[in-house]
């Protein structure tokens, strides 16, 4: 492909949700990253997938993790999305957390949370595709945070509005 920017812009025409995926590093430290590459895979068994850039600092932790949690962000969690999108040792500092299956850190006030065991890892070009078997999930009646054309967006009735 000759023009990655044009390809990326074309992909940006598809609005996606925004999620944060958390796990524990082998030393027990909490790890988390913002993603918009989340999708359902199967209802029976319940399975989801997401992908992570192979250059990501957190890649080794997610490759080794037996469990992870996917948090579908609600529309008021843009700052949290930005926090987990940047490299930092302070991502979890001063956050209200719960502990999920296997001690995986769980964030609060999300539209949905999926607690998963790692089922498969697949090569996806410059990304690693991670498939999880959903062990437990929770959902709240909250509007989702969206990403469209390189910016955050929110639902407004049946329309997608760009965030300021």
Protein backbone atom coordinates (compact mmCIF):
# COMPACT_ATOMS: atom_id res chain seq x y z
CA UNK A 1 0.00 0.00 0.00
CA UNK A 2 1.53 3.25 -1.08
CA UNK A 3 -0.29 5.74 1.15
CA UNK A 4 -0.82 4.66 4.75
CA UNK A 5 -2.31 8.05 5.71
CA UNK A 6 -5.07 7.75 3.08
CA UNK A 7 -5.73 4.17 4.20
CA UNK A 8 -5.96 5.27 7.83
CA UNK A 9 -8.31 8.13 6.87
CA UNK A 10 -10.53 5.69 4.97
CA UNK A 11 -10.65 3.38 8.01
CA UNK A 12 -11.60 6.41 10.12
CA UNK A 13 -14.91 6.59 8.27
CA UNK A 14 -16.02 3.63 10.38
CA UNK A 15 -17.02 4.86 13.87
CA UNK A 16 -15.76 2.62 16.65
CA UNK A 17 -16.17 2.40 20.37
CA UNK A 18 -13.29 3.19 22.70
CA UNK A 19 -12.05 0.66 25.22
CA UNK A 20 -9.32 0.25 27.80
CA UNK A 21 -7.82 -3.22 28.23
CA UNK A 22 -6.19 -4.08 31.56
CA UNK A 23 -4.15 -6.99 32.85
CA UNK A 24 -1.37 -7.78 35.30
CA UNK A 25 2.30 -7.94 34.31
CA UNK A 26 4.21 -11.05 35.39
CA UNK A 27 5.48 -9.07 38.41
CA UNK A 28 1.89 -8.20 39.41
CA UNK A 29 1.97 -4.57 38.26
CA UNK A 30 -1.24 -3.31 36.64
CA UNK A 31 -1.05 -2.72 32.88
CA UNK A 32 -3.57 -0.89 30.72
CA UNK A 33 -3.93 0.51 27.22
CA UNK A 34 -6.59 2.36 25.21
CA UNK A 35 -7.82 0.57 22.07
CA UNK A 36 -10.54 0.96 19.49
CA UNK A 37 -9.95 -2.41 17.85
CA UNK A 38 -12.55 -4.41 19.79
CA UNK A 39 -15.03 -6.85 18.28
CA UNK A 40 -17.28 -9.74 19.19
CA UNK A 41 -16.22 -13.11 17.79
CA UNK A 42 -18.66 -15.73 19.07
CA UNK A 43 -21.76 -16.02 21.25
CA UNK A 44 -21.24 -19.73 22.03
CA UNK A 45 -18.70 -19.83 23.47
CA UNK A 46 -18.67 -16.14 24.34
CA UNK A 47 -15.50 -14.72 22.75
CA UNK A 48 -14.18 -11.26 21.84
CA UNK A 49 -11.04 -9.93 20.17
CA UNK A 50 -8.92 -6.80 20.21
CA UNK A 51 -5.53 -5.92 18.75
CA UNK A 52 -2.39 -4.26 20.05
CA UNK A 53 0.41 -2.56 18.12
CA UNK A 54 3.52 -4.74 18.19
CA UNK A 55 5.56 -1.66 19.19
CA UNK A 56 3.50 -1.14 22.35
CA UNK A 57 5.42 -1.16 25.63
CA UNK A 58 2.69 -3.37 27.13
CA UNK A 59 2.88 -6.05 24.40
CA UNK A 60 5.00 -8.56 26.42
CA UNK A 61 2.62 -8.30 29.39
CA UNK A 62 -0.46 -8.99 27.26
CA UNK A 63 1.30 -11.84 25.43
CA UNK A 64 2.06 -13.50 28.77
CA UNK A 65 -1.19 -12.68 30.55
CA UNK A 66 -3.61 -15.54 31.18
CA UNK A 67 -6.40 -12.98 31.82
CA UNK A 68 -7.43 -9.49 30.79
CA UNK A 69 -10.44 -7.19 31.03
CA UNK A 70 -11.94 -5.01 28.30
CA UNK A 71 -13.68 -1.83 29.51
CA UNK A 72 -16.07 -0.20 27.02
CA UNK A 73 -15.81 3.48 27.90
CA UNK A 74 -18.81 5.69 28.47
CA UNK A 75 -19.11 9.12 26.89
CA UNK A 76 -17.78 10.98 29.95
CA UNK A 77 -14.51 8.96 30.06
CA UNK A 78 -12.55 10.79 27.35
CA UNK A 79 -9.88 11.91 29.86
CA UNK A 80 -9.46 8.31 31.03
CA UNK A 81 -9.06 7.19 27.42
CA UNK A 82 -6.35 9.81 26.89
CA UNK A 83 -4.61 8.79 30.12
CA UNK A 84 -4.33 5.15 29.03
CA UNK A 85 -3.37 6.07 25.44
CA UNK A 86 -0.07 7.59 26.59
CA UNK A 87 3.03 5.86 27.89
CA UNK A 88 3.16 6.40 31.66
CA UNK A 89 3.91 4.62 34.91
CA UNK A 90 1.05 6.55 36.53
CA UNK A 91 -1.94 5.28 34.53
CA UNK A 92 -3.58 3.71 37.59
CA UNK A 93 -2.53 6.39 40.09
CA UNK A 94 -5.45 7.71 42.17
CA UNK A 95 -8.07 5.74 40.24
CA UNK A 96 -10.93 3.93 41.92
CA UNK A 97 -10.35 0.27 41.04
CA UNK A 98 -11.91 -3.08 41.75
CA UNK A 99 -10.20 -6.42 41.28
CA UNK A 100 -11.62 -8.91 38.85
CA UNK A 101 -10.94 -12.56 38.14
CA UNK A 102 -7.28 -13.36 38.74
CA UNK A 103 -6.77 -9.93 40.34
CA UNK A 104 -7.01 -8.05 37.02
CA UNK A 105 -7.68 -4.35 37.71
CA UNK A 106 -11.20 -3.21 36.81
CA UNK A 107 -12.12 0.41 36.12
CA UNK A 108 -15.41 1.96 37.25
CA UNK A 109 -18.25 3.82 35.49
CA UNK A 110 -17.79 1.99 32.18
CA UNK A 111 -20.59 1.12 29.76
CA UNK A 112 -19.52 -2.55 29.87
CA UNK A 113 -16.70 -4.73 31.19
CA UNK A 114 -15.68 -8.13 29.82
CA UNK A 115 -13.41 -10.30 31.97
CA UNK A 116 -11.60 -12.79 29.77
CA UNK A 117 -9.10 -15.60 29.70
CA UNK A 118 -6.66 -15.42 26.81
CA UNK A 119 -7.73 -18.01 24.23
CA UNK A 120 -5.61 -17.23 21.14
CA UNK A 121 -2.87 -14.89 19.91
CA UNK A 122 -2.62 -14.27 16.17
CA UNK A 123 -0.19 -12.36 14.00
CA UNK A 124 -1.96 -9.40 12.41
CA UNK A 125 0.74 -7.57 10.47
CA UNK A 126 1.94 -4.71 12.68
CA UNK A 127 -0.55 -5.75 15.40
CA UNK A 128 -1.09 -8.77 17.62
CA UNK A 129 -4.70 -10.01 17.61
CA UNK A 130 -5.78 -11.22 21.03
CA UNK A 131 -8.86 -13.41 21.35
CA UNK A 132 -10.43 -13.84 24.76
CA UNK A 133 -13.02 -16.20 26.15
CA UNK A 134 -15.47 -14.13 28.17
CA UNK A 135 -15.74 -15.53 31.69
CA UNK A 136 -17.84 -12.74 33.19
CA UNK A 137 -19.30 -9.44 32.01
CA UNK A 138 -21.25 -6.48 33.33
CA UNK A 139 -23.08 -3.68 31.57
CA UNK A 140 -24.53 -0.32 32.58
CA UNK A 141 -27.06 1.87 30.78
CA UNK A 142 -24.53 4.49 29.65
CA UNK A 143 -23.86 6.12 26.31
CA UNK A 144 -20.56 4.91 24.77
CA UNK A 145 -17.55 7.02 23.91
CA UNK A 146 -16.94 6.81 20.16
CA UNK A 147 -14.03 7.48 17.82
CA UNK A 148 -14.65 8.71 14.28
CA UNK A 149 -12.40 10.41 11.69
CA UNK A 150 -9.50 10.63 14.14
CA UNK A 151 -11.50 12.31 16.93
CA UNK A 152 -13.74 11.42 19.82
CA UNK A 153 -17.44 11.46 19.06
CA UNK A 154 -20.68 10.99 20.97
CA UNK A 155 -24.12 9.71 20.10
CA UNK A 156 -26.84 12.33 19.72
CA UNK A 157 -30.13 10.60 19.10
CA UNK A 158 -29.46 8.54 16.01
CA UNK A 159 -26.55 10.69 14.83
CA UNK A 160 -22.85 10.63 15.61
CA UNK A 161 -21.53 14.05 16.67
CA UNK A 162 -17.85 14.96 16.71
CA UNK A 163 -16.51 16.00 20.11
CA UNK A 164 -15.18 19.52 20.43
